[in-house]
N, C-alpha and C. Protein backbone atom coordinates (compact mmCIF):
# COMPACT_ATOMS: atom_id res chain seq x y z
N MET A 1 64.63 91.88 128.10
CA MET A 1 65.65 91.52 127.38
C MET A 1 65.35 91.81 125.90
N ALA A 2 66.38 92.13 125.11
CA ALA A 2 66.14 92.35 123.58
C ALA A 2 65.88 91.14 123.04
N PRO A 3 65.07 91.03 122.04
CA PRO A 3 64.97 89.75 121.11
C PRO A 3 66.26 89.38 120.53
N LEU A 4 66.33 88.09 120.27
CA LEU A 4 67.65 87.44 119.73
C LEU A 4 67.77 88.15 118.39
N ARG A 5 66.67 88.43 117.59
CA ARG A 5 66.88 89.00 116.29
C ARG A 5 67.63 90.27 116.35
N SER A 6 67.17 91.11 117.45
CA SER A 6 67.79 92.37 117.61
C SER A 6 69.31 92.39 118.08
N LEU A 7 69.46 91.39 118.92
CA LEU A 7 70.83 91.21 119.40
C LEU A 7 71.75 90.76 118.20
N ALA A 8 71.19 89.83 117.39
CA ALA A 8 72.03 89.40 116.03
C ALA A 8 72.31 90.61 115.14
N ALA A 9 71.26 91.45 114.88
CA ALA A 9 71.53 92.61 114.13
C ALA A 9 72.47 93.61 114.73
N ALA A 10 72.45 93.81 115.96
CA ALA A 10 73.55 94.60 116.63
C ALA A 10 74.76 94.08 116.41
N ALA A 11 75.01 92.79 116.57
CA ALA A 11 76.24 92.15 116.42
C ALA A 11 76.76 92.29 114.87
N LEU A 12 75.90 92.14 113.93
CA LEU A 12 76.35 92.35 112.53
C LEU A 12 76.77 93.76 112.27
N LEU A 13 75.96 94.67 112.98
CA LEU A 13 76.32 96.03 112.62
C LEU A 13 77.60 96.37 113.17
N PHE A 14 77.89 95.87 114.56
CA PHE A 14 79.24 96.08 115.03
C PHE A 14 80.42 95.50 114.26
N LEU A 15 80.20 94.38 113.68
CA LEU A 15 81.21 93.72 112.80
C LEU A 15 81.47 94.58 111.66
N ALA A 16 80.28 95.02 110.94
CA ALA A 16 80.50 95.73 109.83
C ALA A 16 81.21 97.11 109.92
N THR A 17 80.95 97.80 111.10
CA THR A 17 81.67 98.97 111.29
C THR A 17 82.91 98.95 111.96
N HIS A 18 83.38 97.75 112.39
CA HIS A 18 84.69 97.64 112.99
C HIS A 18 85.54 96.68 112.50
N ALA A 19 85.26 95.69 111.64
CA ALA A 19 86.13 94.82 110.96
C ALA A 19 86.67 95.59 109.79
N HIS A 20 87.94 95.14 109.38
CA HIS A 20 88.67 95.80 108.27
C HIS A 20 87.75 95.60 107.03
N PHE A 21 87.80 94.16 106.75
CA PHE A 21 86.71 93.92 105.46
C PHE A 21 86.37 92.47 105.69
N ILE A 22 85.20 92.22 105.18
CA ILE A 22 84.70 90.89 105.15
C ILE A 22 84.44 90.38 103.67
N LEU A 23 84.87 89.14 103.33
CA LEU A 23 84.57 88.56 102.07
C LEU A 23 83.21 87.83 102.15
N ASN A 24 82.19 88.26 101.57
CA ASN A 24 80.93 87.75 101.48
C ASN A 24 80.68 86.69 100.49
N LEU A 25 81.12 86.99 99.27
CA LEU A 25 80.96 86.05 98.18
C LEU A 25 82.21 85.96 97.33
N PRO A 26 82.76 84.82 97.11
CA PRO A 26 82.43 83.63 97.51
C PRO A 26 82.59 83.43 98.99
N PRO A 27 81.93 82.50 99.74
CA PRO A 27 82.14 82.41 101.29
C PRO A 27 83.56 82.38 101.62
N SER A 28 84.03 83.07 102.51
CA SER A 28 85.32 83.01 103.20
C SER A 28 85.63 81.67 103.81
N LEU A 29 86.87 81.39 103.81
CA LEU A 29 87.41 80.13 104.46
C LEU A 29 87.01 80.21 105.96
N GLU A 30 87.02 81.37 106.51
CA GLU A 30 86.66 81.51 108.00
C GLU A 30 85.29 81.46 108.30
N GLY A 31 84.39 81.61 107.25
CA GLY A 31 82.97 81.74 107.59
C GLY A 31 82.55 82.67 108.47
N GLY A 32 81.78 82.52 109.40
CA GLY A 32 81.42 83.39 110.53
C GLY A 32 82.34 83.68 111.59
N ASN A 33 83.50 83.06 111.49
CA ASN A 33 84.48 83.01 112.56
C ASN A 33 85.77 83.93 112.22
N MET A 34 85.56 84.92 111.39
CA MET A 34 86.58 85.71 110.87
C MET A 34 87.29 86.46 112.04
N GLN A 35 88.48 86.41 112.09
CA GLN A 35 89.30 87.06 113.12
C GLN A 35 89.95 88.33 112.62
N GLU A 36 89.66 89.55 112.87
CA GLU A 36 90.10 90.64 112.30
C GLU A 36 91.77 90.87 112.49
N SER A 37 92.15 90.38 113.75
CA SER A 37 93.62 90.47 114.09
C SER A 37 94.54 89.63 113.10
N LEU A 38 93.87 88.60 112.36
CA LEU A 38 94.66 87.73 111.52
C LEU A 38 94.69 88.12 110.12
N GLU A 39 93.84 89.16 109.75
CA GLU A 39 93.64 89.57 108.25
C GLU A 39 95.00 89.94 107.65
N PRO A 40 95.95 90.59 108.38
CA PRO A 40 97.10 90.89 107.86
C PRO A 40 98.03 89.74 107.32
N ASN A 41 97.72 88.48 107.74
CA ASN A 41 98.45 87.25 107.42
C ASN A 41 98.12 86.81 106.06
N ALA A 42 99.29 86.89 105.23
CA ALA A 42 99.02 86.25 103.77
C ALA A 42 99.15 84.81 103.81
N PRO A 43 98.54 84.10 102.94
CA PRO A 43 97.73 84.60 101.78
C PRO A 43 96.14 84.82 102.09
N CYS A 44 95.71 84.22 103.30
CA CYS A 44 94.30 84.21 103.47
C CYS A 44 93.83 84.58 104.81
N GLY A 45 94.55 85.53 105.55
CA GLY A 45 94.13 85.91 106.74
C GLY A 45 94.07 84.89 107.77
N GLY A 46 92.97 84.62 108.59
CA GLY A 46 92.92 83.54 109.40
C GLY A 46 92.48 82.26 108.87
N GLY A 47 92.18 82.14 107.60
CA GLY A 47 91.79 80.93 106.91
C GLY A 47 93.12 80.06 106.58
N ALA A 48 92.88 78.77 106.58
CA ALA A 48 93.96 77.69 106.37
C ALA A 48 93.67 77.19 105.03
N PRO A 49 94.35 77.58 104.02
CA PRO A 49 94.12 77.16 102.73
C PRO A 49 94.57 75.73 102.45
N ASP A 50 93.56 74.85 102.11
CA ASP A 50 94.07 73.47 101.86
C ASP A 50 92.79 72.78 101.04
N LEU A 51 92.98 72.56 99.73
CA LEU A 51 91.93 72.07 98.98
C LEU A 51 91.48 70.68 99.27
N ALA A 52 92.36 70.00 100.03
CA ALA A 52 92.03 68.69 100.54
C ALA A 52 91.03 68.63 101.65
N SER A 53 90.91 69.83 102.36
CA SER A 53 90.06 69.78 103.50
C SER A 53 88.95 71.05 103.38
N ASN A 54 89.24 71.95 102.57
CA ASN A 54 88.32 73.17 102.65
C ASN A 54 87.06 72.78 101.81
N THR A 55 86.03 73.41 102.22
CA THR A 55 84.76 73.32 101.66
C THR A 55 84.63 74.31 100.42
N ALA A 56 84.45 73.85 99.31
CA ALA A 56 84.49 74.73 97.97
C ALA A 56 83.15 75.01 97.45
N THR A 57 82.97 76.13 96.97
CA THR A 57 81.69 76.40 96.35
C THR A 57 81.98 76.77 94.81
N ASP A 58 80.95 76.78 94.04
CA ASP A 58 81.24 76.93 92.51
C ASP A 58 81.35 78.43 92.20
N PHE A 59 82.40 78.64 91.36
CA PHE A 59 82.70 79.93 90.70
C PHE A 59 82.74 79.84 89.33
N HIS A 60 81.92 80.46 88.50
CA HIS A 60 81.69 80.37 86.97
C HIS A 60 82.82 81.19 86.37
N VAL A 61 83.56 80.57 85.30
CA VAL A 61 84.60 81.12 84.79
C VAL A 61 84.25 82.39 83.81
N ASP A 62 82.93 82.23 83.31
CA ASP A 62 82.55 83.32 82.33
C ASP A 62 81.79 84.47 83.04
N GLY A 63 81.88 84.38 84.32
CA GLY A 63 81.36 85.54 85.06
C GLY A 63 80.70 85.09 86.50
N ASP A 64 81.17 85.59 87.52
CA ASP A 64 80.54 85.20 88.73
C ASP A 64 80.74 86.53 89.84
N ALA A 65 80.08 86.52 90.95
CA ALA A 65 80.03 87.64 91.74
C ALA A 65 81.07 87.62 92.74
N ILE A 66 81.74 88.60 93.20
CA ILE A 66 82.63 88.84 94.26
C ILE A 66 82.07 89.99 95.13
N SER A 67 81.68 89.73 96.40
CA SER A 67 81.15 90.65 97.31
C SER A 67 82.02 90.90 98.44
N VAL A 68 82.25 92.06 98.84
CA VAL A 68 82.97 92.40 100.10
C VAL A 68 82.22 93.54 100.91
N GLN A 69 82.52 93.52 102.20
CA GLN A 69 81.93 94.49 103.14
C GLN A 69 82.94 95.30 103.65
N LEU A 70 83.16 96.56 103.53
CA LEU A 70 84.31 97.38 103.86
C LEU A 70 83.94 98.09 105.28
N GLY A 71 84.84 98.12 106.19
CA GLY A 71 84.61 98.78 107.46
C GLY A 71 85.45 99.98 107.55
N HIS A 72 86.15 100.41 106.60
CA HIS A 72 87.00 101.81 106.45
C HIS A 72 86.24 102.71 105.46
N PRO A 73 86.55 103.91 105.58
CA PRO A 73 85.92 104.97 104.69
C PRO A 73 86.37 104.74 103.20
N GLN A 74 87.57 104.25 102.99
CA GLN A 74 88.09 103.90 101.72
C GLN A 74 89.10 102.89 101.62
N ALA A 75 89.15 102.14 100.66
CA ALA A 75 90.18 100.97 100.61
C ALA A 75 90.15 100.66 99.05
N ASN A 76 91.27 99.97 98.69
CA ASN A 76 91.51 99.47 97.25
C ASN A 76 91.43 97.97 97.36
N PHE A 77 90.85 97.26 96.34
CA PHE A 77 90.65 95.82 96.40
C PHE A 77 91.47 95.13 95.13
N LEU A 78 92.00 94.05 95.36
CA LEU A 78 92.49 93.36 94.36
C LEU A 78 91.77 91.80 94.28
N PHE A 79 91.20 91.41 93.27
CA PHE A 79 90.52 90.19 93.09
C PHE A 79 91.47 89.33 92.32
N ARG A 80 91.90 88.14 92.88
CA ARG A 80 92.99 87.26 92.22
C ARG A 80 92.56 85.81 92.56
N ALA A 81 93.21 84.88 91.90
CA ALA A 81 92.81 83.55 91.89
C ALA A 81 94.18 82.72 91.67
N THR A 82 94.14 81.48 92.33
CA THR A 82 95.21 80.51 92.00
C THR A 82 94.60 79.21 92.01
N LEU A 83 95.43 78.26 91.33
CA LEU A 83 95.01 76.77 91.43
C LEU A 83 95.86 76.18 92.44
N ASP A 84 96.82 76.74 93.05
CA ASP A 84 97.81 76.12 93.97
C ASP A 84 96.90 75.56 95.11
N SER A 85 97.16 74.21 95.56
CA SER A 85 96.39 73.64 96.47
C SER A 85 96.45 74.25 97.91
N HIS A 86 97.47 75.08 98.02
CA HIS A 86 97.59 75.71 99.50
C HIS A 86 97.62 77.16 99.34
N ALA A 87 97.27 77.70 98.15
CA ALA A 87 97.33 79.16 97.86
C ALA A 87 98.55 79.76 98.07
N ALA A 88 99.68 78.99 97.81
CA ALA A 88 101.03 79.61 98.06
C ALA A 88 101.70 80.42 97.01
N GLY A 89 100.98 80.66 95.87
CA GLY A 89 101.53 81.44 94.89
C GLY A 89 100.77 81.25 93.53
N ASN A 90 101.49 81.76 92.53
CA ASN A 90 100.91 81.56 91.11
C ASN A 90 99.63 82.36 90.94
N TRP A 91 99.43 83.46 91.55
CA TRP A 91 98.15 84.27 91.58
C TRP A 91 97.84 84.93 90.22
N THR A 92 96.72 84.80 89.78
CA THR A 92 96.29 85.58 88.46
C THR A 92 95.19 86.65 88.88
N GLN A 93 95.51 87.86 88.47
CA GLN A 93 94.70 88.90 88.53
C GLN A 93 93.36 88.66 87.80
N LEU A 94 92.11 88.77 88.30
CA LEU A 94 90.88 88.49 87.75
C LEU A 94 90.28 89.75 87.23
N PHE A 95 90.49 90.85 87.79
CA PHE A 95 89.78 92.15 87.46
C PHE A 95 90.58 93.48 87.78
N PRO A 96 90.40 94.41 87.10
CA PRO A 96 91.11 95.61 87.58
C PRO A 96 90.98 96.08 89.12
N ILE A 97 91.99 96.64 89.57
CA ILE A 97 92.02 97.06 91.01
C ILE A 97 90.87 98.00 91.19
N VAL A 98 90.03 97.79 92.21
CA VAL A 98 88.92 98.71 92.39
C VAL A 98 89.12 99.48 93.72
N GLN A 99 88.81 100.71 93.80
CA GLN A 99 88.88 101.53 94.89
C GLN A 99 87.41 101.86 95.40
N GLN A 100 87.05 101.24 96.55
CA GLN A 100 85.70 101.56 97.24
C GLN A 100 85.74 102.69 98.14
N THR A 101 84.86 103.59 97.97
CA THR A 101 84.65 104.71 98.84
C THR A 101 83.26 104.63 99.67
N THR A 102 83.31 104.82 100.90
CA THR A 102 82.10 104.77 101.87
C THR A 102 82.09 103.26 102.37
N ARG A 103 82.05 103.05 103.69
CA ARG A 103 81.76 101.90 104.37
C ARG A 103 80.52 101.04 103.82
N GLY A 104 80.59 99.77 103.84
CA GLY A 104 79.57 98.96 103.46
C GLY A 104 79.72 98.04 102.41
N ASN A 105 78.64 97.35 101.76
CA ASN A 105 78.80 96.31 100.81
C ASN A 105 79.24 96.89 99.46
N PHE A 106 80.10 96.11 98.82
CA PHE A 106 80.29 96.42 97.36
C PHE A 106 80.33 94.99 96.64
N CYS A 107 79.71 94.99 95.57
CA CYS A 107 79.69 93.67 94.77
C CYS A 107 79.92 93.91 93.37
N GLU A 108 80.82 93.25 92.82
CA GLU A 108 81.07 93.17 91.38
C GLU A 108 80.43 91.88 90.89
N PRO A 109 79.59 92.12 89.95
CA PRO A 109 78.68 90.82 89.70
C PRO A 109 79.18 90.00 88.64
N VAL A 110 80.15 90.47 87.75
CA VAL A 110 80.73 89.66 86.60
C VAL A 110 82.28 89.78 86.65
N VAL A 111 82.82 88.85 87.58
CA VAL A 111 84.16 88.59 87.56
C VAL A 111 84.54 87.32 86.79
N THR A 112 85.41 87.24 85.86
CA THR A 112 85.79 86.22 85.01
C THR A 112 87.06 85.62 85.48
N ALA A 113 87.27 84.25 85.20
CA ALA A 113 88.64 83.54 85.31
C ALA A 113 88.85 82.81 83.96
N PRO A 114 90.09 82.40 83.91
CA PRO A 114 90.57 81.70 82.77
C PRO A 114 89.55 80.46 82.43
N LYS A 115 89.22 80.51 81.15
CA LYS A 115 88.23 79.32 80.63
C LYS A 115 88.82 78.00 81.04
N ASP A 116 90.07 77.89 80.85
CA ASP A 116 90.71 76.56 80.98
C ASP A 116 90.78 76.05 82.42
N TRP A 117 90.39 77.00 83.34
CA TRP A 117 90.29 76.54 84.73
C TRP A 117 89.05 75.70 85.00
N ALA A 118 88.02 75.82 84.12
CA ALA A 118 86.82 74.99 84.47
C ALA A 118 87.11 73.40 84.61
N GLY A 119 86.50 72.95 85.74
CA GLY A 119 86.81 71.68 86.07
C GLY A 119 87.83 71.48 87.06
N LYS A 120 88.49 72.47 87.54
CA LYS A 120 89.52 72.50 88.57
C LYS A 120 89.08 73.33 89.63
N LYS A 121 89.86 72.92 90.78
CA LYS A 121 89.65 73.60 92.10
C LYS A 121 90.78 74.58 92.39
N GLY A 122 90.42 75.65 93.16
CA GLY A 122 91.45 76.73 93.47
C GLY A 122 90.89 77.59 94.44
N PHE A 123 91.47 78.70 94.56
CA PHE A 123 91.15 79.80 95.56
C PHE A 123 90.86 81.17 94.90
N ILE A 124 89.75 81.77 95.28
CA ILE A 124 89.67 83.25 95.08
C ILE A 124 90.25 83.89 96.21
N GLY A 125 91.10 84.81 95.86
CA GLY A 125 91.78 85.70 96.97
C GLY A 125 91.34 87.13 96.86
N VAL A 126 91.00 87.74 98.01
CA VAL A 126 90.68 89.18 97.86
C VAL A 126 91.75 89.88 98.85
N VAL A 127 92.56 90.86 98.35
CA VAL A 127 93.45 91.59 99.16
C VAL A 127 92.94 92.92 99.13
N CYS A 128 92.98 93.54 100.35
CA CYS A 128 92.47 94.93 100.66
C CYS A 128 93.63 95.89 101.01
N ASP A 129 93.89 96.85 100.22
CA ASP A 129 94.95 97.78 100.66
C ASP A 129 94.25 99.03 101.39
N GLY A 130 94.21 99.24 102.57
CA GLY A 130 93.51 100.24 103.40
C GLY A 130 94.49 100.81 104.34
N PRO A 131 93.75 101.61 105.28
CA PRO A 131 94.57 102.21 106.21
C PRO A 131 95.47 101.54 107.11
N ASP A 132 95.15 100.21 107.26
CA ASP A 132 95.87 99.34 108.11
C ASP A 132 96.81 98.46 107.32
N GLY A 133 97.08 98.75 106.14
CA GLY A 133 98.02 98.00 105.28
C GLY A 133 97.27 96.97 104.46
N LEU A 134 98.03 95.88 104.05
CA LEU A 134 97.45 94.87 103.27
C LEU A 134 96.73 93.87 104.15
N LEU A 135 95.45 93.41 103.67
CA LEU A 135 94.62 92.50 104.49
C LEU A 135 94.07 91.35 103.49
N PHE A 136 94.01 90.14 103.99
CA PHE A 136 93.88 89.10 103.04
C PHE A 136 92.61 88.20 103.51
N GLN A 137 91.79 87.79 102.45
CA GLN A 137 90.81 86.74 102.66
C GLN A 137 90.78 85.90 101.56
N CYS A 138 90.21 84.72 101.69
CA CYS A 138 90.39 83.72 100.46
C CYS A 138 88.89 82.89 100.65
N ALA A 139 88.67 82.22 99.45
CA ALA A 139 87.52 81.28 99.40
C ALA A 139 88.02 80.06 98.51
N ALA A 140 87.64 79.02 98.94
CA ALA A 140 87.90 77.78 98.06
C ALA A 140 86.79 77.59 97.05
N VAL A 141 87.12 77.39 95.92
CA VAL A 141 86.15 77.24 94.91
C VAL A 141 86.30 76.16 93.97
N ASN A 142 85.25 75.75 93.33
CA ASN A 142 85.24 74.72 92.15
C ASN A 142 84.99 75.76 91.00
N PHE A 143 85.96 75.82 90.06
CA PHE A 143 85.83 76.64 88.82
C PHE A 143 84.94 75.68 87.80
N VAL A 144 83.82 76.36 87.40
CA VAL A 144 82.91 75.67 86.54
C VAL A 144 82.55 76.61 85.34
N THR A 145 82.06 75.89 84.33
CA THR A 145 81.70 76.68 83.10
C THR A 145 80.51 77.57 83.31
N GLY A 146 80.29 78.47 82.30
CA GLY A 146 78.98 79.27 82.35
C GLY A 146 79.27 80.64 83.16
N THR A 147 78.00 81.24 83.23
CA THR A 147 77.94 82.58 84.05
C THR A 147 76.97 82.32 85.27
N ASN A 148 77.27 82.76 86.45
CA ASN A 148 76.27 82.85 87.50
C ASN A 148 75.31 83.89 87.36
N THR A 149 74.03 83.61 87.18
CA THR A 149 72.92 84.57 87.03
C THR A 149 72.02 84.63 88.51
N ALA A 150 72.49 83.78 89.39
CA ALA A 150 71.58 83.49 90.54
C ALA A 150 72.00 84.29 91.79
N ALA A 151 73.04 85.19 91.67
CA ALA A 151 73.52 85.88 92.86
C ALA A 151 72.37 86.77 93.43
N GLY A 152 71.57 87.46 92.64
CA GLY A 152 70.36 88.11 93.03
C GLY A 152 70.83 89.03 94.14
N SER A 153 69.93 89.03 95.10
CA SER A 153 70.10 90.10 96.31
C SER A 153 71.25 89.85 97.15
N ALA A 154 71.98 88.79 96.91
CA ALA A 154 73.29 88.71 97.52
C ALA A 154 74.35 89.53 96.97
N CYS A 155 74.12 90.11 95.77
CA CYS A 155 74.99 91.01 95.11
C CYS A 155 74.44 92.38 94.84
N THR A 156 74.54 93.19 95.99
CA THR A 156 74.10 94.60 96.02
C THR A 156 75.11 95.47 96.69
N ASN A 157 74.97 96.75 96.51
CA ASN A 157 75.89 97.74 96.97
C ASN A 157 75.23 98.64 98.15
N GLY A 158 75.98 98.97 99.17
CA GLY A 158 75.58 99.70 100.16
C GLY A 158 75.25 101.18 99.73
N THR A 159 74.30 101.81 100.51
CA THR A 159 73.86 103.22 100.12
C THR A 159 75.01 104.02 100.31
N GLY A 160 75.29 104.82 99.16
CA GLY A 160 76.35 105.80 99.03
C GLY A 160 77.65 105.27 98.59
N VAL A 161 77.78 103.90 98.49
CA VAL A 161 79.07 103.33 98.08
C VAL A 161 79.41 103.60 96.62
N THR A 162 80.61 104.04 96.45
CA THR A 162 81.04 104.26 94.98
C THR A 162 82.27 103.47 94.79
N ALA A 163 82.72 103.25 93.62
CA ALA A 163 83.87 102.54 93.20
C ALA A 163 84.44 103.12 91.82
N ALA A 164 85.76 102.89 91.62
CA ALA A 164 86.50 103.37 90.46
C ALA A 164 87.76 102.55 90.35
N PHE A 165 88.18 102.29 89.09
CA PHE A 165 89.43 101.61 88.82
C PHE A 165 90.64 102.53 89.27
N VAL A 166 91.61 102.01 89.92
CA VAL A 166 92.76 102.73 90.32
C VAL A 166 94.10 101.93 90.17
N ALA A 167 95.21 102.64 90.16
CA ALA A 167 96.56 101.91 90.23
C ALA A 167 97.01 101.78 91.60
N ASP A 168 97.44 100.64 91.91
CA ASP A 168 97.97 100.46 93.24
C ASP A 168 99.25 99.27 93.24
N LYS A 169 100.46 99.97 93.35
CA LYS A 169 101.54 99.17 93.19
C LYS A 169 101.68 97.97 94.23
N SER A 170 101.28 98.30 95.43
CA SER A 170 101.32 97.17 96.46
C SER A 170 100.48 96.06 96.17
N LEU A 171 99.19 96.38 95.50
CA LEU A 171 98.37 95.20 95.08
C LEU A 171 98.89 94.60 93.70
N SER A 172 99.34 95.35 92.83
CA SER A 172 99.58 94.90 91.55
C SER A 172 100.81 93.91 91.62
N GLY A 173 101.71 93.99 92.76
CA GLY A 173 102.77 93.16 92.90
C GLY A 173 102.47 91.89 93.53
N LEU A 174 101.25 91.60 93.72
CA LEU A 174 100.75 90.44 94.34
C LEU A 174 100.29 89.37 93.35
N VAL A 175 100.47 89.67 92.03
CA VAL A 175 100.01 88.61 90.96
C VAL A 175 101.24 88.31 90.03
N GLY A 176 101.03 87.04 89.60
CA GLY A 176 102.16 86.56 88.70
C GLY A 176 102.93 85.43 89.37
N ALA A 177 103.79 84.81 88.61
CA ALA A 177 104.36 83.56 89.33
C ALA A 177 105.44 84.04 90.19
N GLY A 178 106.11 85.26 90.04
CA GLY A 178 107.19 85.66 90.85
C GLY A 178 106.73 86.57 92.03
N ALA A 179 105.48 86.65 92.28
CA ALA A 179 105.03 87.64 93.28
C ALA A 179 105.09 86.93 94.66
N SER A 180 105.35 87.74 95.69
CA SER A 180 105.13 87.29 97.15
C SER A 180 103.73 87.50 97.58
N ASN A 181 103.44 86.73 98.54
CA ASN A 181 101.97 86.82 99.13
C ASN A 181 102.00 88.01 100.02
N SER A 182 103.12 88.57 100.55
CA SER A 182 102.98 89.51 101.70
C SER A 182 103.31 90.84 101.07
N SER A 183 103.29 91.92 102.04
CA SER A 183 103.41 93.24 101.57
C SER A 183 105.07 93.46 101.65
N GLY A 184 105.77 92.52 101.84
CA GLY A 184 107.26 92.69 101.97
C GLY A 184 107.88 92.68 100.70
N SER A 185 109.22 92.39 100.50
CA SER A 185 109.86 92.40 99.20
C SER A 185 109.18 91.37 98.14
N THR A 186 109.03 91.78 97.08
CA THR A 186 108.48 91.00 95.97
C THR A 186 109.32 91.11 94.75
N SER A 187 109.47 89.96 94.03
CA SER A 187 110.17 89.82 92.78
C SER A 187 109.26 90.48 91.82
N SER A 188 109.66 90.82 90.70
CA SER A 188 108.84 91.37 89.62
C SER A 188 108.05 90.32 89.14
N PRO A 189 106.69 90.48 89.15
CA PRO A 189 105.69 89.50 88.65
C PRO A 189 105.69 89.41 87.23
N THR A 190 105.32 88.21 86.82
CA THR A 190 105.24 88.06 85.40
C THR A 190 103.94 88.81 84.89
N SER A 191 103.99 89.16 83.61
CA SER A 191 102.75 89.96 83.10
C SER A 191 101.66 89.10 83.12
N PRO A 192 100.53 89.60 83.58
CA PRO A 192 99.27 88.90 83.55
C PRO A 192 98.95 88.50 82.17
N SER A 193 98.18 87.35 81.97
CA SER A 193 97.71 87.02 80.58
C SER A 193 96.70 87.98 80.10
N PRO A 194 96.42 87.90 78.76
CA PRO A 194 95.58 89.01 78.15
C PRO A 194 94.27 88.90 79.04
N ALA A 195 93.75 87.84 79.47
CA ALA A 195 92.46 87.61 80.20
C ALA A 195 92.52 88.44 81.50
N ALA A 196 93.73 88.84 82.01
CA ALA A 196 93.79 89.54 83.31
C ALA A 196 94.20 90.90 83.28
N THR A 197 94.28 91.47 82.10
CA THR A 197 94.47 92.93 81.98
C THR A 197 93.34 93.81 82.13
N SER A 198 93.49 95.05 82.47
CA SER A 198 92.43 95.98 82.78
C SER A 198 91.65 96.19 81.53
N SER A 199 92.45 96.34 80.33
CA SER A 199 91.70 96.75 79.07
C SER A 199 90.74 95.66 78.59
N SER A 200 91.30 94.41 78.81
CA SER A 200 90.41 93.25 78.27
C SER A 200 89.31 92.92 79.17
N LEU A 201 89.46 93.12 80.62
CA LEU A 201 88.53 92.79 81.51
C LEU A 201 87.33 93.86 81.62
N ALA A 202 87.66 95.24 81.58
CA ALA A 202 86.91 96.25 82.05
C ALA A 202 85.56 96.21 81.27
N ALA A 203 85.59 96.32 79.87
CA ALA A 203 84.33 96.44 79.18
C ALA A 203 83.41 95.25 79.20
N PRO A 204 83.96 93.87 78.98
CA PRO A 204 83.00 92.88 79.00
C PRO A 204 82.47 92.59 80.38
N SER A 205 83.31 92.63 81.50
CA SER A 205 82.78 92.31 82.80
C SER A 205 81.79 93.33 83.34
N LEU A 206 81.91 94.61 82.92
CA LEU A 206 80.99 95.60 83.44
C LEU A 206 79.85 95.84 82.76
N LEU A 207 79.74 95.23 81.53
CA LEU A 207 78.66 95.58 80.63
C LEU A 207 77.84 94.26 80.50
N ARG A 208 78.20 93.03 80.96
CA ARG A 208 77.36 91.86 80.56
C ARG A 208 76.34 91.67 81.70
N GLY A 209 76.46 92.34 82.86
CA GLY A 209 75.54 91.88 83.84
C GLY A 209 74.10 92.15 83.51
N SER A 210 73.10 91.31 83.96
CA SER A 210 71.77 91.58 83.69
C SER A 210 70.85 91.37 84.92
N GLY A 211 69.86 92.03 84.91
CA GLY A 211 68.97 91.85 86.02
C GLY A 211 69.56 92.50 87.32
N LEU A 212 70.48 93.44 87.35
CA LEU A 212 71.13 94.01 88.42
C LEU A 212 70.42 95.06 89.21
N PRO A 213 70.61 95.15 90.55
CA PRO A 213 70.03 96.33 91.26
C PRO A 213 70.46 97.57 90.64
N VAL A 214 69.60 98.58 90.74
CA VAL A 214 69.99 99.98 90.19
C VAL A 214 71.28 100.51 90.66
N ALA A 215 71.56 100.22 92.05
CA ALA A 215 72.84 100.71 92.66
C ALA A 215 73.91 100.10 92.03
N SER A 216 73.85 98.68 91.67
CA SER A 216 74.95 98.00 91.09
C SER A 216 75.22 98.62 89.78
N VAL A 217 74.20 98.86 89.02
CA VAL A 217 74.41 99.30 87.56
C VAL A 217 75.05 100.71 87.68
N ALA A 218 74.60 101.63 88.62
CA ALA A 218 75.23 102.78 88.61
C ALA A 218 76.79 102.83 88.92
N VAL A 219 76.97 101.97 89.99
CA VAL A 219 78.40 101.93 90.35
C VAL A 219 79.38 101.32 89.31
N THR A 220 78.76 100.16 88.57
CA THR A 220 79.59 99.78 87.59
C THR A 220 79.75 100.65 86.27
N ALA A 221 78.77 101.40 86.09
CA ALA A 221 78.74 102.36 85.07
C ALA A 221 79.93 103.32 85.26
N VAL A 222 80.07 103.92 86.53
CA VAL A 222 80.99 104.87 86.84
C VAL A 222 82.38 104.16 86.84
N MET A 223 82.42 102.89 87.21
CA MET A 223 83.78 102.27 87.18
C MET A 223 84.26 102.19 85.73
N PHE A 224 83.31 101.89 84.90
CA PHE A 224 83.70 101.57 83.38
C PHE A 224 84.27 103.03 82.90
N LEU A 225 83.54 104.05 83.16
CA LEU A 225 83.91 105.36 82.60
C LEU A 225 85.34 105.87 83.11
N VAL A 226 85.55 105.56 84.34
CA VAL A 226 86.83 105.93 85.11
C VAL A 226 87.88 104.98 84.55
N GLY A 227 87.55 103.67 84.35
CA GLY A 227 88.54 102.64 83.93
C GLY A 227 88.97 103.09 82.61
N VAL A 228 88.11 103.59 81.73
CA VAL A 228 88.51 103.85 80.32
C VAL A 228 89.38 105.08 80.30
N ALA A 229 89.18 106.05 81.33
CA ALA A 229 90.03 107.27 81.22
C ALA A 229 91.42 106.83 81.83
N LEU A 230 91.52 105.86 82.61
CA LEU A 230 92.91 105.53 83.28
C LEU A 230 93.67 104.62 82.29
N LEU A 231 93.05 103.95 81.26
CA LEU A 231 93.72 103.09 80.57
C LEU A 231 94.57 103.78 79.35
C-alpha cells in the first residue's frame, strides 16, 4: 500500500490539474472542502459569506498576498473586495485584471486595499474568467494596517507560469456599487476610486515587494511592463 504521504500528494496533484481554480491566500471560505461544481455560483462559489460566522484572517491594506492555483492553461483573474457582511455587492477592484498562462500557482505579493478599511471586516473576492465562464471564490478577512512581509514561501509562482495585465469586460463589470455578482445582466458600475485604477495600482504594487522568490520578481516585472503598454 502506498504511504499516506504519497496518497496525499496524488490527491493534491489531481485537484490541481482538474479543479477550475483554488484560492490559496487568503484562505478560501471553503477551506479544503472546495466543490468545483459550485464555483460558478456568485459571489463566493460554494462558500457561504457571513461575517457573523466566517473565520477571518488578517489582510494588510498597504500590501498583502493573493495566491491562486489555476487548473486551466489560461484564465483572467479579478481581485476585488467588499465590506458587505454577506458579500452581496459594493465590490471594489484591488488590482488590475491579470491573465495567467500555464497551469499552477500564481501569487501577487503586494495587493492593496483602501486605507480607511483598516479595522473593519470584509471579504476578498477572486473571480476567474476561464474556459468554463466566470468562477468565484472568497475569503473572509480583517483589514489591518501595514504591509504583510511574512508570506514567504506561501507566495510563489509555478514553473513556467507567466502573467500580464489585460482588459476583460466580463470581469470589469463586477466592481462598483451598481454591479451584479453574476455573469448575467449588469448595470453600469460606478468608476473605481483612484486607489482601484490600473494606473495608480500597477507601479506601487509591483515594485514594492521585497525578499521575493526569483520567479515572482520575473513575473511581476513582465506584468509591469505589459501593464504600462496597455495604459
